[in-house]
PDB file of N, CA and C in Angstrom:
ATOM      1  N   MET A   1     -19.926  -0.029  -3.975  1.00  0.00           N
ATOM      2  CA  MET A   1     -20.421   1.336  -4.021  1.00  0.00           C
ATOM      3  C   MET A   1     -19.722   2.063  -5.159  1.00  0.00           C
ATOM      4  N   LYS A   2     -20.353   3.108  -5.641  1.00  0.00           N
ATOM      5  CA  LYS A   2     -19.807   3.861  -6.762  1.00  0.00           C
ATOM      6  C   LYS A   2     -19.325   5.237  -6.307  1.00  0.00           C
ATOM      7  N   VAL A   3     -18.169   5.622  -6.839  1.00  0.00           N
ATOM      8  CA  VAL A   3     -17.630   6.962  -6.610  1.00  0.00           C
ATOM      9  C   VAL A   3     -17.282   7.556  -7.968  1.00  0.00           C
ATOM     10  N   ASN A   4     -17.233   8.863  -8.019  1.00  0.00           N
ATOM     11  CA  ASN A   4     -16.870   9.589  -9.239  1.00  0.00           C
ATOM     12  C   ASN A   4     -15.438  10.075  -9.102  1.00  0.00           C
ATOM     13  N   VAL A   5     -14.642   9.850 -10.130  1.00  0.00           N
ATOM     14  CA  VAL A   5     -13.230  10.216 -10.100  1.00  0.00           C
ATOM     15  C   VAL A   5     -12.936  11.138 -11.269  1.00  0.00           C
ATOM     16  N   ARG A   6     -12.236  12.219 -10.965  1.00  0.00           N
ATOM     17  CA  ARG A   6     -11.808  13.168 -11.993  1.00  0.00           C
ATOM     18  C   ARG A   6     -10.285  13.232 -11.970  1.00  0.00           C
ATOM     19  N   LEU A   7      -9.675  13.002 -13.116  1.00  0.00           N
ATOM     20  CA  LEU A   7      -8.217  12.993 -13.236  1.00  0.00           C
ATOM     21  C   LEU A   7      -7.757  14.256 -13.967  1.00  0.00           C
ATOM     22  N   PHE A   8      -6.699  14.867 -13.465  1.00  0.00           N
ATOM     23  CA  PHE A   8      -6.211  16.126 -14.023  1.00  0.00           C
ATOM     24  C   PHE A   8      -4.743  16.031 -14.427  1.00  0.00           C
ATOM     25  N   ALA A   9      -4.399  16.826 -15.452  1.00  0.00           N
ATOM     26  CA  ALA A   9      -3.024  16.995 -15.939  1.00  0.00           C
ATOM     27  C   ALA A   9      -2.364  15.641 -16.207  1.00  0.00           C
ATOM     28  N   SER A  10      -1.152  15.436 -15.711  1.00  0.00           N
ATOM     29  CA  SER A  10      -0.401  14.215 -16.021  1.00  0.00           C
ATOM     30  C   SER A  10      -1.012  12.956 -15.405  1.00  0.00           C
ATOM     31  N   ILE A  11      -1.923  13.095 -14.472  1.00  0.00           N
ATOM     32  CA  ILE A  11      -2.575  11.932 -13.861  1.00  0.00           C
ATOM     33  C   ILE A  11      -3.523  11.258 -14.858  1.00  0.00           C
ATOM     34  N   ARG A  12      -3.893  11.965 -15.903  1.00  0.00           N
ATOM     35  CA  ARG A  12      -4.769  11.384 -16.935  1.00  0.00           C
ATOM     36  C   ARG A  12      -4.137  10.199 -17.642  1.00  0.00           C
ATOM     37  N   LYS A  13      -2.824  10.045 -17.533  1.00  0.00           N
ATOM     38  CA  LYS A  13      -2.161   8.921 -18.202  1.00  0.00           C
ATOM     39  C   LYS A  13      -2.603   7.569 -17.625  1.00  0.00           C
ATOM     40  N   TYR A  14      -3.257   7.565 -16.483  1.00  0.00           N
ATOM     41  CA  TYR A  14      -3.713   6.318 -15.862  1.00  0.00           C
ATOM     42  C   TYR A  14      -5.092   5.881 -16.348  1.00  0.00           C
ATOM     43  N   SER A  15      -5.706   6.653 -17.225  1.00  0.00           N
ATOM     44  CA  SER A  15      -7.008   6.294 -17.786  1.00  0.00           C
ATOM     45  C   SER A  15      -7.188   6.995 -19.121  1.00  0.00           C
ATOM     46  N   ASP A  16      -8.008   6.428 -19.969  1.00  0.00           N
ATOM     47  CA  ASP A  16      -8.285   7.078 -21.243  1.00  0.00           C
ATOM     48  C   ASP A  16      -9.422   8.089 -21.128  1.00  0.00           C
ATOM     49  N   LYS A  17      -9.987   8.219 -19.926  1.00  0.00           N
ATOM     50  CA  LYS A  17     -11.067   9.176 -19.685  1.00  0.00           C
ATOM     51  C   LYS A  17     -10.678  10.119 -18.553  1.00  0.00           C
ATOM     52  N   ARG A  18     -11.227  11.329 -18.603  1.00  0.00           N
ATOM     53  CA  ARG A  18     -10.984  12.311 -17.538  1.00  0.00           C
ATOM     54  C   ARG A  18     -11.900  12.087 -16.342  1.00  0.00           C
ATOM     55  N   ASN A  19     -13.120  11.682 -16.631  1.00  0.00           N
ATOM     56  CA  ASN A  19     -14.116  11.479 -15.581  1.00  0.00           C
ATOM     57  C   ASN A  19     -14.545  10.018 -15.597  1.00  0.00           C
ATOM     58  N   LEU A  20     -14.491   9.393 -14.432  1.00  0.00           N
ATOM     59  CA  LEU A  20     -14.792   7.972 -14.311  1.00  0.00           C
ATOM     60  C   LEU A  20     -15.812   7.739 -13.211  1.00  0.00           C
ATOM     61  N   GLU A  21     -16.612   6.711 -13.388  1.00  0.00           N
ATOM     62  CA  GLU A  21     -17.439   6.213 -12.295  1.00  0.00           C
ATOM     63  C   GLU A  21     -16.847   4.854 -11.945  1.00  0.00           C
ATOM     64  N   ILE A  22     -16.325   4.729 -10.734  1.00  0.00           N
ATOM     65  CA  ILE A  22     -15.611   3.529 -10.306  1.00  0.00           C
ATOM     66  C   ILE A  22     -16.437   2.803  -9.256  1.00  0.00           C
ATOM     67  N   ASP A  23     -16.508   1.494  -9.393  1.00  0.00           N
ATOM     68  CA  ASP A  23     -17.179   0.644  -8.413  1.00  0.00           C
ATOM     69  C   ASP A  23     -16.111   0.101  -7.471  1.00  0.00           C
ATOM     70  N   ILE A  24     -16.190   0.448  -6.188  1.00  0.00           N
ATOM     71  CA  ILE A  24     -15.221  -0.031  -5.200  1.00  0.00           C
ATOM     72  C   ILE A  24     -15.966  -0.653  -4.028  1.00  0.00           C
ATOM     73  N   GLN A  25     -15.239  -1.413  -3.224  1.00  0.00           N
ATOM     74  CA  GLN A  25     -15.839  -2.055  -2.059  1.00  0.00           C
ATOM     75  C   GLN A  25     -16.101  -1.026  -0.961  1.00  0.00           C
ATOM     76  N   GLU A  26     -17.116  -1.290  -0.162  1.00  0.00           N
ATOM     77  CA  GLU A  26     -17.366  -0.427   0.990  1.00  0.00           C
ATOM     78  C   GLU A  26     -16.151  -0.457   1.905  1.00  0.00           C
ATOM     79  N   HIS A  27     -15.954   0.609   2.646  1.00  0.00           N
ATOM     80  CA  HIS A  27     -14.830   0.787   3.569  1.00  0.00           C
ATOM     81  C   HIS A  27     -13.501   0.933   2.837  1.00  0.00           C
ATOM     82  N   SER A  28     -13.543   1.271   1.540  1.00  0.00           N
ATOM     83  CA  SER A  28     -12.319   1.532   0.784  1.00  0.00           C
ATOM     84  C   SER A  28     -11.801   2.921   1.131  1.00  0.00           C
ATOM     85  N   THR A  29     -10.489   3.070   1.031  1.00  0.00           N
ATOM     86  CA  THR A  29      -9.840   4.349   1.302  1.00  0.00           C
ATOM     87  C   THR A  29      -9.401   4.993  -0.018  1.00  0.00           C
ATOM     88  N   VAL A  30      -8.948   6.221   0.084  1.00  0.00           N
ATOM     89  CA  VAL A  30      -8.363   6.900  -1.072  1.00  0.00           C
ATOM     90  C   VAL A  30      -7.208   6.063  -1.617  1.00  0.00           C
ATOM     91  N   GLY A  31      -6.374   5.522  -0.746  1.00  0.00           N
ATOM     92  CA  GLY A  31      -5.249   4.678  -1.167  1.00  0.00           C
ATOM     93  C   GLY A  31      -5.713   3.452  -1.934  1.00  0.00           C
ATOM     94  N   ASP A  32      -6.807   2.836  -1.483  1.00  0.00           N
ATOM     95  CA  ASP A  32      -7.363   1.680  -2.205  1.00  0.00           C
ATOM     96  C   ASP A  32      -7.791   2.083  -3.608  1.00  0.00           C
ATOM     97  N   LEU A  33      -8.423   3.243  -3.717  1.00  0.00           N
ATOM     98  CA  LEU A  33      -8.870   3.734  -5.019  1.00  0.00           C
ATOM     99  C   LEU A  33      -7.675   3.988  -5.933  1.00  0.00           C
ATOM    100  N   LEU A  34      -6.625   4.608  -5.403  1.00  0.00           N
ATOM    101  CA  LEU A  34      -5.436   4.867  -6.205  1.00  0.00           C
ATOM    102  C   LEU A  34      -4.852   3.568  -6.732  1.00  0.00           C
ATOM    103  N   SER A  35      -4.809   2.541  -5.889  1.00  0.00           N
ATOM    104  CA  SER A  35      -4.305   1.231  -6.317  1.00  0.00           C
ATOM    105  C   SER A  35      -5.165   0.656  -7.430  1.00  0.00           C
ATOM    106  N   LYS A  36      -6.473   0.772  -7.288  1.00  0.00           N
ATOM    107  CA  LYS A  36      -7.392   0.254  -8.307  1.00  0.00           C
ATOM    108  C   LYS A  36      -7.176   0.953  -9.646  1.00  0.00           C
ATOM    109  N   LEU A  37      -6.827   2.226  -9.611  1.00  0.00           N
ATOM    110  CA  LEU A  37      -6.577   2.996 -10.829  1.00  0.00           C
ATOM    111  C   LEU A  37      -5.172   2.764 -11.392  1.00  0.00           C
ATOM    112  N   GLY A  38      -4.315   2.069 -10.631  1.00  0.00           N
ATOM    113  CA  GLY A  38      -2.950   1.820 -11.083  1.00  0.00           C
ATOM    114  C   GLY A  38      -2.000   2.972 -10.824  1.00  0.00           C
ATOM    115  N   ILE A  39      -2.390   3.875  -9.926  1.00  0.00           N
ATOM    116  CA  ILE A  39      -1.545   5.020  -9.588  1.00  0.00           C
ATOM    117  C   ILE A  39      -0.612   4.605  -8.452  1.00  0.00           C
ATOM    118  N   PRO A  40       0.712   4.700  -8.649  1.00  0.00           N
ATOM    119  CA  PRO A  40       1.657   4.286  -7.606  1.00  0.00           C
ATOM    120  C   PRO A  40       1.448   5.059  -6.307  1.00  0.00           C
ATOM    121  N   GLN A  41       1.621   4.374  -5.188  1.00  0.00           N
ATOM    122  CA  GLN A  41       1.428   4.989  -3.876  1.00  0.00           C
ATOM    123  C   GLN A  41       2.424   6.109  -3.608  1.00  0.00           C
ATOM    124  N   ASN A  42       3.580   6.071  -4.273  1.00  0.00           N
ATOM    125  CA  ASN A  42       4.590   7.118  -4.033  1.00  0.00           C
ATOM    126  C   ASN A  42       4.449   8.306  -4.985  1.00  0.00           C
ATOM    127  N   GLU A  43       3.440   8.287  -5.847  1.00  0.00           N
ATOM    128  CA  GLU A  43       3.181   9.408  -6.771  1.00  0.00           C
ATOM    129  C   GLU A  43       2.761  10.634  -5.945  1.00  0.00           C
ATOM    130  N   PRO A  44       3.443  11.772  -6.111  1.00  0.00           N
ATOM    131  CA  PRO A  44       3.045  12.968  -5.356  1.00  0.00           C
ATOM    132  C   PRO A  44       1.725  13.523  -5.906  1.00  0.00           C
ATOM    133  N   LEU A  45       0.698  13.513  -5.054  1.00  0.00           N
ATOM    134  CA  LEU A  45      -0.652  13.877  -5.489  1.00  0.00           C
ATOM    135  C   LEU A  45      -1.323  14.843  -4.537  1.00  0.00           C
ATOM    136  N   LEU A  46      -2.277  15.556  -5.081  1.00  0.00           N
ATOM    137  CA  LEU A  46      -3.248  16.307  -4.294  1.00  0.00           C
ATOM    138  C   LEU A  46      -4.581  15.614  -4.551  1.00  0.00           C
ATOM    139  N   VAL A  47      -5.202  15.102  -3.491  1.00  0.00           N
ATOM    140  CA  VAL A  47      -6.475  14.396  -3.625  1.00  0.00           C
ATOM    141  C   VAL A  47      -7.550  15.192  -2.900  1.00  0.00           C
ATOM    142  N   ILE A  48      -8.594  15.531  -3.633  1.00  0.00           N
ATOM    143  CA  ILE A  48      -9.701  16.292  -3.070  1.00  0.00           C
ATOM    144  C   ILE A  48     -10.949  15.418  -3.135  1.00  0.00           C
ATOM    145  N   VAL A  49     -11.575  15.233  -1.977  1.00  0.00           N
ATOM    146  CA  VAL A  49     -12.817  14.460  -1.893  1.00  0.00           C
ATOM    147  C   VAL A  49     -13.920  15.429  -1.501  1.00  0.00           C
ATOM    148  N   ASN A  50     -14.881  15.606  -2.385  1.00  0.00           N
ATOM    149  CA  ASN A  50     -16.010  16.506  -2.134  1.00  0.00           C
ATOM    150  C   ASN A  50     -15.556  17.882  -1.675  1.00  0.00           C
ATOM    151  N   GLU A  51     -14.580  18.444  -2.373  1.00  0.00           N
ATOM    152  CA  GLU A  51     -14.094  19.812  -2.166  1.00  0.00           C
ATOM    153  C   GLU A  51     -13.134  19.992  -0.997  1.00  0.00           C
ATOM    154  N   TYR A  52     -12.705  18.893  -0.346  1.00  0.00           N
ATOM    155  CA  TYR A  52     -11.765  18.990   0.775  1.00  0.00           C
ATOM    156  C   TYR A  52     -10.552  18.113   0.524  1.00  0.00           C
ATOM    157  N   THR A  53      -9.357  18.651   0.749  1.00  0.00           N
ATOM    158  CA  THR A  53      -8.129  17.883   0.603  1.00  0.00           C
ATOM    159  C   THR A  53      -8.133  16.737   1.612  1.00  0.00           C
ATOM    160  N   GLN A  54      -7.764  15.537   1.140  1.00  0.00           N
ATOM    161  CA  GLN A  54      -7.785  14.358   2.001  1.00  0.00           C
ATOM    162  C   GLN A  54      -6.489  13.562   1.871  1.00  0.00           C
ATOM    163  N   ARG A  55      -6.269  12.686   2.849  1.00  0.00           N
ATOM    164  CA  ARG A  55      -5.099  11.803   2.847  1.00  0.00           C
ATOM    165  C   ARG A  55      -5.481  10.442   2.284  1.00  0.00           C
ATOM    166  N   LYS A  56      -4.467   9.612   2.070  1.00  0.00           N
ATOM    167  CA  LYS A  56      -4.700   8.297   1.478  1.00  0.00           C
ATOM    168  C   LYS A  56      -5.467   7.347   2.391  1.00  0.00           C
ATOM    169  N   ASN A  57      -5.504   7.629   3.688  1.00  0.00           N
ATOM    170  CA  ASN A  57      -6.234   6.744   4.602  1.00  0.00           C
ATOM    171  C   ASN A  57      -7.688   7.183   4.824  1.00  0.00           C
ATOM    172  N   THR A  58      -8.143   8.194   4.104  1.00  0.00           N
ATOM    173  CA  THR A  58      -9.522   8.679   4.212  1.00  0.00           C
ATOM    174  C   THR A  58     -10.489   7.649   3.635  1.00  0.00           C
ATOM    175  N   LEU A  59     -11.522   7.309   4.409  1.00  0.00           N
ATOM    176  CA  LEU A  59     -12.556   6.387   3.936  1.00  0.00           C
ATOM    177  C   LEU A  59     -13.464   7.087   2.935  1.00  0.00           C
ATOM    178  N   LEU A  60     -13.826   6.371   1.898  1.00  0.00           N
ATOM    179  CA  LEU A  60     -14.724   6.906   0.885  1.00  0.00           C
ATOM    180  C   LEU A  60     -16.145   6.433   1.131  1.00  0.00           C
ATOM    181  N   LYS A  61     -17.109   7.225   0.631  1.00  0.00           N
ATOM    182  CA  LYS A  61     -18.533   6.895   0.775  1.00  0.00           C
ATOM    183  C   LYS A  61     -19.186   6.885  -0.602  1.00  0.00           C
ATOM    184  N   GLU A  62     -20.294   6.184  -0.696  1.00  0.00           N
ATOM    185  CA  GLU A  62     -21.093   6.126  -1.917  1.00  0.00           C
ATOM    186  C   GLU A  62     -21.343   7.537  -2.444  1.00  0.00           C
ATOM    187  N   GLY A  63     -21.068   7.742  -3.732  1.00  0.00           N
ATOM    188  CA  GLY A  63     -21.358   9.019  -4.364  1.00  0.00           C
ATOM    189  C   GLY A  63     -20.290  10.086  -4.211  1.00  0.00           C
ATOM    190  N   ASP A  64     -19.201   9.793  -3.486  1.00  0.00           N
ATOM    191  CA  ASP A  64     -18.129  10.782  -3.342  1.00  0.00           C
ATOM    192  C   ASP A  64     -17.575  11.170  -4.710  1.00  0.00           C
ATOM    193  N   THR A  65     -17.104  12.403  -4.814  1.00  0.00           N
ATOM    194  CA  THR A  65     -16.387  12.864  -5.996  1.00  0.00           C
ATOM    195  C   THR A  65     -14.941  13.091  -5.594  1.00  0.00           C
ATOM    196  N   ILE A  66     -14.044  12.378  -6.251  1.00  0.00           N
ATOM    197  CA  ILE A  66     -12.622  12.443  -5.933  1.00  0.00           C
ATOM    198  C   ILE A  66     -11.898  13.074  -7.114  1.00  0.00           C
ATOM    199  N   SER A  67     -11.211  14.176  -6.862  1.00  0.00           N
ATOM    200  CA  SER A  67     -10.415  14.858  -7.889  1.00  0.00           C
ATOM    201  C   SER A  67      -8.948  14.621  -7.558  1.00  0.00           C
ATOM    202  N   ILE A  68      -8.190  14.162  -8.553  1.00  0.00           N
ATOM    203  CA  ILE A  68      -6.790  13.809  -8.333  1.00  0.00           C
ATOM    204  C   ILE A  68      -5.909  14.662  -9.239  1.00  0.00           C
ATOM    205  N   PHE A  69      -4.989  15.399  -8.603  1.00  0.00           N
ATOM    206  CA  PHE A  69      -4.076  16.302  -9.296  1.00  0.00           C
ATOM    207  C   PHE A  69      -2.642  15.900  -8.996  1.00  0.00           C
ATOM    208  N   PRO A  70      -1.717  16.090  -9.952  1.00  0.00           N
ATOM    209  CA  PRO A  70      -0.308  15.921  -9.613  1.00  0.00           C
ATOM    210  C   PRO A  70       0.142  17.129  -8.813  1.00  0.00           C
ATOM    211  N   ILE A  71       1.131  16.927  -7.962  1.00  0.00           N
ATOM    212  CA  ILE A  71       1.719  18.079  -7.268  1.00  0.00           C
ATOM    213  C   ILE A  71       2.779  18.627  -8.191  1.00  0.00           C
ATOM    214  N   ILE A  72       2.663  19.895  -8.502  1.00  0.00           N
ATOM    215  CA  ILE A  72       3.562  20.536  -9.458  1.00  0.00           C
ATOM    216  C   ILE A  72       4.407  21.564  -8.730  1.00  0.00           C
ATOM    217  N   ALA A  73       5.713  21.458  -8.916  1.00  0.00           N
ATOM    218  CA  ALA A  73       6.631  22.430  -8.332  1.00  0.00           C
ATOM    219  C   ALA A  73       7.213  23.267  -9.457  1.00  0.00           C
ATOM    220  N   GLY A  74       7.529  24.444  -9.144  1.00  0.00           N
ATOM    221  CA  GLY A  74       8.118  25.302 -10.164  1.00  0.00           C
ATOM    222  C   GLY A  74       8.676  26.558  -9.547  1.00  0.00           C
ATOM    223  N   GLY A  75       9.146  27.369 -10.375  1.00  0.00           N
ATOM    224  CA  GLY A  75       9.724  28.587  -9.848  1.00  0.00           C
ATOM    225  C   GLY A  75       9.663  29.702 -10.835  1.00  0.00           C
TER     226      GLY A  75
END
């Protein structure tokens, strides 16, 4: 199945493109997608699937749009 992935800020270092169409297996999770992209599991991230914040164990569906942001702290 195909999903759309959008990478933001420092997360763009994992791809030469900002917007990707990725082919993944059915029943894949957000964590599976991160692994496929080469993003370490311990990377602090905000993952939004179709406009809702999700966890790494969230199942993905055909046509989902996944936006991945680094978590930024500051003061």
